[in-house]
mmCIF file of all heavy atoms, coordinates in Angstrom:
data_MODEL
# 
_entry.id   MODEL 
# 
loop_
_atom_site.group_PDB 
_atom_site.id 
_atom_site.type_symbol 
_atom_site.label_atom_id 
_atom_site.label_alt_id 
_atom_site.label_comp_id 
_atom_site.label_asym_id 
_atom_site.label_entity_id 
_atom_site.label_seq_id 
_atom_site.pdbx_PDB_ins_code 
_atom_site.Cartn_x 
_atom_site.Cartn_y 
_atom_site.Cartn_z 
_atom_site.occupancy 
_atom_site.B_iso_or_equiv 
_atom_site.pdbx_formal_charge 
_atom_site.auth_seq_id 
_atom_site.auth_comp_id 
_atom_site.auth_asym_id 
_atom_site.auth_atom_id 
_atom_site.pdbx_PDB_model_num 
ATOM 1   N N   . ALA A 1 1  ? 85.549  115.021 109.988 1.00 0.00 ? 1  ALA A N   1 
ATOM 2   C CA  . ALA A 1 1  ? 86.061  115.811 108.888 1.00 0.00 ? 1  ALA A CA  1 
ATOM 3   C C   . ALA A 1 1  ? 87.297  116.649 109.218 1.00 0.00 ? 1  ALA A C   1 
ATOM 4   O O   . ALA A 1 1  ? 88.254  116.665 108.397 1.00 0.00 ? 1  ALA A O   1 
ATOM 5   C CB  . ALA A 1 1  ? 84.921  116.788 108.403 1.00 0.00 ? 1  ALA A CB  1 
ATOM 6   N N   . ALA A 1 2  ? 87.357  117.218 110.415 1.00 0.00 ? 2  ALA A N   1 
ATOM 7   C CA  . ALA A 1 2  ? 88.511  117.951 110.837 1.00 0.00 ? 2  ALA A CA  1 
ATOM 8   C C   . ALA A 1 2  ? 89.706  117.099 110.920 1.00 0.00 ? 2  ALA A C   1 
ATOM 9   O O   . ALA A 1 2  ? 90.857  117.455 110.541 1.00 0.00 ? 2  ALA A O   1 
ATOM 10  C CB  . ALA A 1 2  ? 88.242  118.681 112.160 1.00 0.00 ? 2  ALA A CB  1 
ATOM 11  N N   . PHE A 1 3  ? 89.534  115.850 111.479 1.00 0.00 ? 3  PHE A N   1 
ATOM 12  C CA  . PHE A 1 3  ? 90.658  114.962 111.579 1.00 0.00 ? 3  PHE A CA  1 
ATOM 13  C C   . PHE A 1 3  ? 91.173  114.570 110.158 1.00 0.00 ? 3  PHE A C   1 
ATOM 14  O O   . PHE A 1 3  ? 92.366  114.487 109.935 1.00 0.00 ? 3  PHE A O   1 
ATOM 15  C CB  . PHE A 1 3  ? 90.223  113.730 112.327 1.00 0.00 ? 3  PHE A CB  1 
ATOM 16  C CG  . PHE A 1 3  ? 91.343  112.636 112.448 1.00 0.00 ? 3  PHE A CG  1 
ATOM 17  C CD1 . PHE A 1 3  ? 92.240  112.734 113.454 1.00 0.00 ? 3  PHE A CD1 1 
ATOM 18  C CD2 . PHE A 1 3  ? 91.414  111.569 111.518 1.00 0.00 ? 3  PHE A CD2 1 
ATOM 19  C CE1 . PHE A 1 3  ? 93.307  111.808 113.558 1.00 0.00 ? 3  PHE A CE1 1 
ATOM 20  C CE2 . PHE A 1 3  ? 92.401  110.629 111.650 1.00 0.00 ? 3  PHE A CE2 1 
ATOM 21  C CZ  . PHE A 1 3  ? 93.328  110.761 112.651 1.00 0.00 ? 3  PHE A CZ  1 
ATOM 22  N N   . GLY A 1 4  ? 90.263  114.336 109.269 1.00 0.00 ? 4  GLY A N   1 
ATOM 23  C CA  . GLY A 1 4  ? 90.652  114.008 107.849 1.00 0.00 ? 4  GLY A CA  1 
ATOM 24  C C   . GLY A 1 4  ? 91.469  115.157 107.230 1.00 0.00 ? 4  GLY A C   1 
ATOM 25  O O   . GLY A 1 4  ? 92.454  114.967 106.569 1.00 0.00 ? 4  GLY A O   1 
ATOM 26  N N   . GLY A 1 5  ? 91.011  116.429 107.474 1.00 0.00 ? 5  GLY A N   1 
ATOM 27  C CA  . GLY A 1 5  ? 91.715  117.577 106.914 1.00 0.00 ? 5  GLY A CA  1 
ATOM 28  C C   . GLY A 1 5  ? 93.097  117.697 107.494 1.00 0.00 ? 5  GLY A C   1 
ATOM 29  O O   . GLY A 1 5  ? 94.068  118.034 106.806 1.00 0.00 ? 5  GLY A O   1 
ATOM 30  N N   . ALA A 1 6  ? 93.233  117.497 108.815 1.00 0.00 ? 6  ALA A N   1 
ATOM 31  C CA  . ALA A 1 6  ? 94.537  117.603 109.445 1.00 0.00 ? 6  ALA A CA  1 
ATOM 32  C C   . ALA A 1 6  ? 95.483  116.479 108.971 1.00 0.00 ? 6  ALA A C   1 
ATOM 33  O O   . ALA A 1 6  ? 96.639  116.734 108.677 1.00 0.00 ? 6  ALA A O   1 
ATOM 34  C CB  . ALA A 1 6  ? 94.371  117.532 110.982 1.00 0.00 ? 6  ALA A CB  1 
ATOM 35  N N   . ALA A 1 7  ? 94.956  115.271 108.890 1.00 0.00 ? 7  ALA A N   1 
ATOM 36  C CA  . ALA A 1 7  ? 95.788  114.185 108.422 1.00 0.00 ? 7  ALA A CA  1 
ATOM 37  C C   . ALA A 1 7  ? 96.245  114.343 106.995 1.00 0.00 ? 7  ALA A C   1 
ATOM 38  O O   . ALA A 1 7  ? 97.417  114.150 106.644 1.00 0.00 ? 7  ALA A O   1 
ATOM 39  C CB  . ALA A 1 7  ? 94.987  112.819 108.585 1.00 0.00 ? 7  ALA A CB  1 
ATOM 40  N N   . GLY A 1 8  ? 95.354  114.832 106.137 1.00 0.00 ? 8  GLY A N   1 
ATOM 41  C CA  . GLY A 1 8  ? 95.717  115.075 104.762 1.00 0.00 ? 8  GLY A CA  1 
ATOM 42  C C   . GLY A 1 8  ? 96.743  116.174 104.610 1.00 0.00 ? 8  GLY A C   1 
ATOM 43  O O   . GLY A 1 8  ? 97.725  116.095 103.804 1.00 0.00 ? 8  GLY A O   1 
ATOM 44  N N   . THR A 1 9  ? 96.633  117.238 105.393 1.00 0.00 ? 9  THR A N   1 
ATOM 45  C CA  . THR A 1 9  ? 97.551  118.330 105.310 1.00 0.00 ? 9  THR A CA  1 
ATOM 46  C C   . THR A 1 9  ? 98.984  117.871 105.802 1.00 0.00 ? 9  THR A C   1 
ATOM 47  O O   . THR A 1 9  ? 100.030 118.193 105.164 1.00 0.00 ? 9  THR A O   1 
ATOM 48  C CB  . THR A 1 9  ? 97.120  119.494 106.198 1.00 0.00 ? 9  THR A CB  1 
ATOM 49  O OG1 . THR A 1 9  ? 95.817  119.933 105.789 1.00 0.00 ? 9  THR A OG1 1 
ATOM 50  C CG2 . THR A 1 9  ? 98.112  120.712 106.141 1.00 0.00 ? 9  THR A CG2 1 
ATOM 51  N N   . ILE A 1 10 ? 99.052  117.144 106.923 1.00 0.00 ? 10 ILE A N   1 
ATOM 52  C CA  . ILE A 1 10 ? 100.336 116.655 107.390 1.00 0.00 ? 10 ILE A CA  1 
ATOM 53  C C   . ILE A 1 10 ? 100.992 115.721 106.333 1.00 0.00 ? 10 ILE A C   1 
ATOM 54  O O   . ILE A 1 10 ? 102.143 115.860 106.008 1.00 0.00 ? 10 ILE A O   1 
ATOM 55  C CB  . ILE A 1 10 ? 100.124 115.859 108.741 1.00 0.00 ? 10 ILE A CB  1 
ATOM 56  C CG1 . ILE A 1 10 ? 99.689  116.853 109.798 1.00 0.00 ? 10 ILE A CG1 1 
ATOM 57  C CG2 . ILE A 1 10 ? 101.392 115.147 109.167 1.00 0.00 ? 10 ILE A CG2 1 
ATOM 58  C CD1 . ILE A 1 10 ? 99.296  116.139 111.116 1.00 0.00 ? 10 ILE A CD1 1 
ATOM 59  N N   . CYS A 1 11 ? 100.217 114.827 105.792 1.00 0.00 ? 11 CYS A N   1 
ATOM 60  C CA  . CYS A 1 11 ? 100.750 113.912 104.812 1.00 0.00 ? 11 CYS A CA  1 
ATOM 61  C C   . CYS A 1 11 ? 101.267 114.643 103.578 1.00 0.00 ? 11 CYS A C   1 
ATOM 62  O O   . CYS A 1 11 ? 102.312 114.328 103.069 1.00 0.00 ? 11 CYS A O   1 
ATOM 63  C CB  . CYS A 1 11 ? 99.674  112.866 104.440 1.00 0.00 ? 11 CYS A CB  1 
ATOM 64  S SG  . CYS A 1 11 ? 100.242 111.476 103.466 1.00 0.00 ? 11 CYS A SG  1 
ATOM 65  N N   . TYR A 1 12 ? 100.476 115.593 103.080 1.00 0.00 ? 12 TYR A N   1 
ATOM 66  C CA  . TYR A 1 12 ? 100.924 116.342 101.918 1.00 0.00 ? 12 TYR A CA  1 
ATOM 67  C C   . TYR A 1 12 ? 102.202 117.073 102.180 1.00 0.00 ? 12 TYR A C   1 
ATOM 68  O O   . TYR A 1 12 ? 103.163 117.007 101.353 1.00 0.00 ? 12 TYR A O   1 
ATOM 69  C CB  . TYR A 1 12 ? 99.798  117.390 101.580 1.00 0.00 ? 12 TYR A CB  1 
ATOM 70  C CG  . TYR A 1 12 ? 100.164 118.239 100.373 1.00 0.00 ? 12 TYR A CG  1 
ATOM 71  C CD1 . TYR A 1 12 ? 99.759  117.834 99.111  1.00 0.00 ? 12 TYR A CD1 1 
ATOM 72  C CD2 . TYR A 1 12 ? 100.866 119.405 100.520 1.00 0.00 ? 12 TYR A CD2 1 
ATOM 73  C CE1 . TYR A 1 12 ? 100.053 118.656 98.013  1.00 0.00 ? 12 TYR A CE1 1 
ATOM 74  C CE2 . TYR A 1 12 ? 101.228 120.178 99.426  1.00 0.00 ? 12 TYR A CE2 1 
ATOM 75  C CZ  . TYR A 1 12 ? 100.824 119.771 98.173  1.00 0.00 ? 12 TYR A CZ  1 
ATOM 76  O OH  . TYR A 1 12 ? 101.132 120.556 97.057  1.00 0.00 ? 12 TYR A OH  1 
ATOM 77  N N   . LEU A 1 13 ? 102.336 117.759 103.287 1.00 0.00 ? 13 LEU A N   1 
ATOM 78  C CA  . LEU A 1 13 ? 103.545 118.518 103.585 1.00 0.00 ? 13 LEU A CA  1 
ATOM 79  C C   . LEU A 1 13 ? 104.780 117.623 103.771 1.00 0.00 ? 13 LEU A C   1 
ATOM 80  O O   . LEU A 1 13 ? 105.867 117.947 103.264 1.00 0.00 ? 13 LEU A O   1 
ATOM 81  C CB  . LEU A 1 13 ? 103.373 119.395 104.843 1.00 0.00 ? 13 LEU A CB  1 
ATOM 82  C CG  . LEU A 1 13 ? 102.286 120.454 104.723 1.00 0.00 ? 13 LEU A CG  1 
ATOM 83  C CD1 . LEU A 1 13 ? 102.116 121.175 106.072 1.00 0.00 ? 13 LEU A CD1 1 
ATOM 84  C CD2 . LEU A 1 13 ? 102.617 121.486 103.598 1.00 0.00 ? 13 LEU A CD2 1 
ATOM 85  N N   . LEU A 1 14 ? 104.580 116.451 104.389 1.00 0.00 ? 14 LEU A N   1 
ATOM 86  C CA  . LEU A 1 14 ? 105.692 115.562 104.612 1.00 0.00 ? 14 LEU A CA  1 
ATOM 87  C C   . LEU A 1 14 ? 106.180 114.906 103.269 1.00 0.00 ? 14 LEU A C   1 
ATOM 88  O O   . LEU A 1 14 ? 107.371 114.801 102.991 1.00 0.00 ? 14 LEU A O   1 
ATOM 89  C CB  . LEU A 1 14 ? 105.313 114.458 105.594 1.00 0.00 ? 14 LEU A CB  1 
ATOM 90  C CG  . LEU A 1 14 ? 105.029 114.903 107.055 1.00 0.00 ? 14 LEU A CG  1 
ATOM 91  C CD1 . LEU A 1 14 ? 104.683 113.719 107.891 1.00 0.00 ? 14 LEU A CD1 1 
ATOM 92  C CD2 . LEU A 1 14 ? 106.316 115.584 107.594 1.00 0.00 ? 14 LEU A CD2 1 
ATOM 93  N N   . VAL A 1 15 ? 105.196 114.522 102.481 1.00 0.00 ? 15 VAL A N   1 
ATOM 94  C CA  . VAL A 1 15 ? 105.589 113.902 101.139 1.00 0.00 ? 15 VAL A CA  1 
ATOM 95  C C   . VAL A 1 15 ? 106.263 114.976 100.259 1.00 0.00 ? 15 VAL A C   1 
ATOM 96  O O   . VAL A 1 15 ? 107.199 114.636 99.567  1.00 0.00 ? 15 VAL A O   1 
ATOM 97  C CB  . VAL A 1 15 ? 104.337 113.339 100.461 1.00 0.00 ? 15 VAL A CB  1 
ATOM 98  C CG1 . VAL A 1 15 ? 104.674 112.821 99.081  1.00 0.00 ? 15 VAL A CG1 1 
ATOM 99  C CG2 . VAL A 1 15 ? 103.780 112.168 101.301 1.00 0.00 ? 15 VAL A CG2 1 
ATOM 100 N N   . GLN A 1 16 ? 105.747 116.162 100.285 1.00 0.00 ? 16 GLN A N   1 
ATOM 101 C CA  . GLN A 1 16 ? 106.387 117.242 99.458  1.00 0.00 ? 16 GLN A CA  1 
ATOM 102 C C   . GLN A 1 16 ? 107.784 117.519 99.972  1.00 0.00 ? 16 GLN A C   1 
ATOM 103 O O   . GLN A 1 16 ? 108.659 117.720 99.143  1.00 0.00 ? 16 GLN A O   1 
ATOM 104 C CB  . GLN A 1 16 ? 105.508 118.483 99.539  1.00 0.00 ? 16 GLN A CB  1 
ATOM 105 C CG  . GLN A 1 16 ? 106.015 119.607 98.637  1.00 0.00 ? 16 GLN A CG  1 
ATOM 106 C CD  . GLN A 1 16 ? 105.050 120.773 98.593  1.00 0.00 ? 16 GLN A CD  1 
ATOM 107 O OE1 . GLN A 1 16 ? 104.338 120.957 97.629  1.00 0.00 ? 16 GLN A OE1 1 
ATOM 108 N NE2 . GLN A 1 16 ? 105.045 121.586 99.624  1.00 0.00 ? 16 GLN A NE2 1 
ATOM 109 N N   . ASP A 1 17 ? 108.011 117.553 101.252 1.00 0.00 ? 17 ASP A N   1 
ATOM 110 C CA  . ASP A 1 17 ? 109.374 117.812 101.794 1.00 0.00 ? 17 ASP A CA  1 
ATOM 111 C C   . ASP A 1 17 ? 110.316 116.595 101.458 1.00 0.00 ? 17 ASP A C   1 
ATOM 112 O O   . ASP A 1 17 ? 111.544 116.809 101.395 1.00 0.00 ? 17 ASP A O   1 
ATOM 113 C CB  . ASP A 1 17 ? 109.293 117.914 103.312 1.00 0.00 ? 17 ASP A CB  1 
ATOM 114 C CG  . ASP A 1 17 ? 108.941 119.375 103.758 1.00 0.00 ? 17 ASP A CG  1 
ATOM 115 O OD1 . ASP A 1 17 ? 108.820 120.229 102.834 1.00 0.00 ? 17 ASP A OD1 1 
ATOM 116 O OD2 . ASP A 1 17 ? 108.748 119.617 104.913 1.00 0.00 ? 17 ASP A OD2 1 
ATOM 117 N N   . ALA A 1 18 ? 109.742 115.445 101.191 1.00 0.00 ? 18 ALA A N   1 
ATOM 118 C CA  . ALA A 1 18 ? 110.553 114.329 100.790 1.00 0.00 ? 18 ALA A CA  1 
ATOM 119 C C   . ALA A 1 18 ? 111.066 114.402 99.380  1.00 0.00 ? 18 ALA A C   1 
ATOM 120 O O   . ALA A 1 18 ? 111.836 113.579 98.923  1.00 0.00 ? 18 ALA A O   1 
ATOM 121 C CB  . ALA A 1 18 ? 109.806 113.012 101.015 1.00 0.00 ? 18 ALA A CB  1 
ATOM 122 N N   . GLY A 1 19 ? 110.566 115.433 98.625  1.00 0.00 ? 19 GLY A N   1 
ATOM 123 C CA  . GLY A 1 19 ? 111.071 115.658 97.311  1.00 0.00 ? 19 GLY A CA  1 
ATOM 124 C C   . GLY A 1 19 ? 110.090 115.340 96.188  1.00 0.00 ? 19 GLY A C   1 
ATOM 125 O O   . GLY A 1 19 ? 110.462 115.465 94.948  1.00 0.00 ? 19 GLY A O   1 
ATOM 126 N N   . PHE A 1 20 ? 108.853 114.960 96.509  1.00 0.00 ? 20 PHE A N   1 
ATOM 127 C CA  . PHE A 1 20 ? 107.865 114.660 95.488  1.00 0.00 ? 20 PHE A CA  1 
ATOM 128 C C   . PHE A 1 20 ? 107.127 115.942 95.102  1.00 0.00 ? 20 PHE A C   1 
ATOM 129 O O   . PHE A 1 20 ? 107.016 116.906 95.844  1.00 0.00 ? 20 PHE A O   1 
ATOM 130 C CB  . PHE A 1 20 ? 106.898 113.603 96.010  1.00 0.00 ? 20 PHE A CB  1 
ATOM 131 C CG  . PHE A 1 20 ? 107.552 112.305 96.218  1.00 0.00 ? 20 PHE A CG  1 
ATOM 132 C CD1 . PHE A 1 20 ? 108.053 111.879 97.433  1.00 0.00 ? 20 PHE A CD1 1 
ATOM 133 C CD2 . PHE A 1 20 ? 107.678 111.340 95.146  1.00 0.00 ? 20 PHE A CD2 1 
ATOM 134 C CE1 . PHE A 1 20 ? 108.671 110.652 97.622  1.00 0.00 ? 20 PHE A CE1 1 
ATOM 135 C CE2 . PHE A 1 20 ? 108.268 110.128 95.363  1.00 0.00 ? 20 PHE A CE2 1 
ATOM 136 C CZ  . PHE A 1 20 ? 108.761 109.801 96.574  1.00 0.00 ? 20 PHE A CZ  1 
ATOM 137 N N   . GLY A 1 21 ? 106.538 115.906 93.886  1.00 0.00 ? 21 GLY A N   1 
ATOM 138 C CA  . GLY A 1 21 ? 105.822 117.073 93.371  1.00 0.00 ? 21 GLY A CA  1 
ATOM 139 C C   . GLY A 1 21 ? 104.407 117.109 93.947  1.00 0.00 ? 21 GLY A C   1 
ATOM 140 O O   . GLY A 1 21 ? 103.942 116.217 94.705  1.00 0.00 ? 21 GLY A O   1 
ATOM 141 N N   . PRO A 1 22 ? 103.672 118.181 93.590  1.00 0.00 ? 22 PRO A N   1 
ATOM 142 C CA  . PRO A 1 22 ? 102.297 118.330 94.144  1.00 0.00 ? 22 PRO A CA  1 
ATOM 143 C C   . PRO A 1 22 ? 101.322 117.245 93.746  1.00 0.00 ? 22 PRO A C   1 
ATOM 144 O O   . PRO A 1 22 ? 100.432 116.977 94.516  1.00 0.00 ? 22 PRO A O   1 
ATOM 145 C CB  . PRO A 1 22 ? 101.872 119.747 93.629  1.00 0.00 ? 22 PRO A CB  1 
ATOM 146 C CG  . PRO A 1 22 ? 102.732 119.938 92.412  1.00 0.00 ? 22 PRO A CG  1 
ATOM 147 C CD  . PRO A 1 22 ? 104.042 119.261 92.711  1.00 0.00 ? 22 PRO A CD  1 
ATOM 148 N N   . VAL A 1 23 ? 101.484 116.679 92.577  1.00 0.00 ? 23 VAL A N   1 
ATOM 149 C CA  . VAL A 1 23 ? 100.476 115.682 92.141  1.00 0.00 ? 23 VAL A CA  1 
ATOM 150 C C   . VAL A 1 23 ? 100.651 114.384 93.025  1.00 0.00 ? 23 VAL A C   1 
ATOM 151 O O   . VAL A 1 23 ? 99.704  113.894 93.536  1.00 0.00 ? 23 VAL A O   1 
ATOM 152 C CB  . VAL A 1 23 ? 100.675 115.313 90.649  1.00 0.00 ? 23 VAL A CB  1 
ATOM 153 C CG1 . VAL A 1 23 ? 99.771  114.138 90.231  1.00 0.00 ? 23 VAL A CG1 1 
ATOM 154 C CG2 . VAL A 1 23 ? 100.371 116.551 89.810  1.00 0.00 ? 23 VAL A CG2 1 
ATOM 155 N N   . VAL A 1 24 ? 101.929 113.957 93.143  1.00 0.00 ? 24 VAL A N   1 
ATOM 156 C CA  . VAL A 1 24 ? 102.133 112.725 93.970  1.00 0.00 ? 24 VAL A CA  1 
ATOM 157 C C   . VAL A 1 24 ? 101.761 113.064 95.443  1.00 0.00 ? 24 VAL A C   1 
ATOM 158 O O   . VAL A 1 24 ? 101.124 112.202 96.121  1.00 0.00 ? 24 VAL A O   1 
ATOM 159 C CB  . VAL A 1 24 ? 103.601 112.338 93.833  1.00 0.00 ? 24 VAL A CB  1 
ATOM 160 C CG1 . VAL A 1 24 ? 103.880 111.155 94.829  1.00 0.00 ? 24 VAL A CG1 1 
ATOM 161 C CG2 . VAL A 1 24 ? 103.940 111.890 92.405  1.00 0.00 ? 24 VAL A CG2 1 
ATOM 162 N N   . SER A 1 25 ? 102.162 114.188 95.924  1.00 0.00 ? 25 SER A N   1 
ATOM 163 C CA  . SER A 1 25 ? 101.879 114.548 97.304  1.00 0.00 ? 25 SER A CA  1 
ATOM 164 C C   . SER A 1 25 ? 100.362 114.594 97.546  1.00 0.00 ? 25 SER A C   1 
ATOM 165 O O   . SER A 1 25 ? 99.840  114.081 98.570  1.00 0.00 ? 25 SER A O   1 
ATOM 166 C CB  . SER A 1 25 ? 102.488 115.935 97.651  1.00 0.00 ? 25 SER A CB  1 
ATOM 167 O OG  . SER A 1 25 ? 103.872 115.899 97.515  1.00 0.00 ? 25 SER A OG  1 
# 
């Protein structure tokens, strides 16, 4: 579960920094 939370957080922040909104991220 901890690994899943860390992977999801990293992915969310990277996609958001790429210019996508919160829904897509």
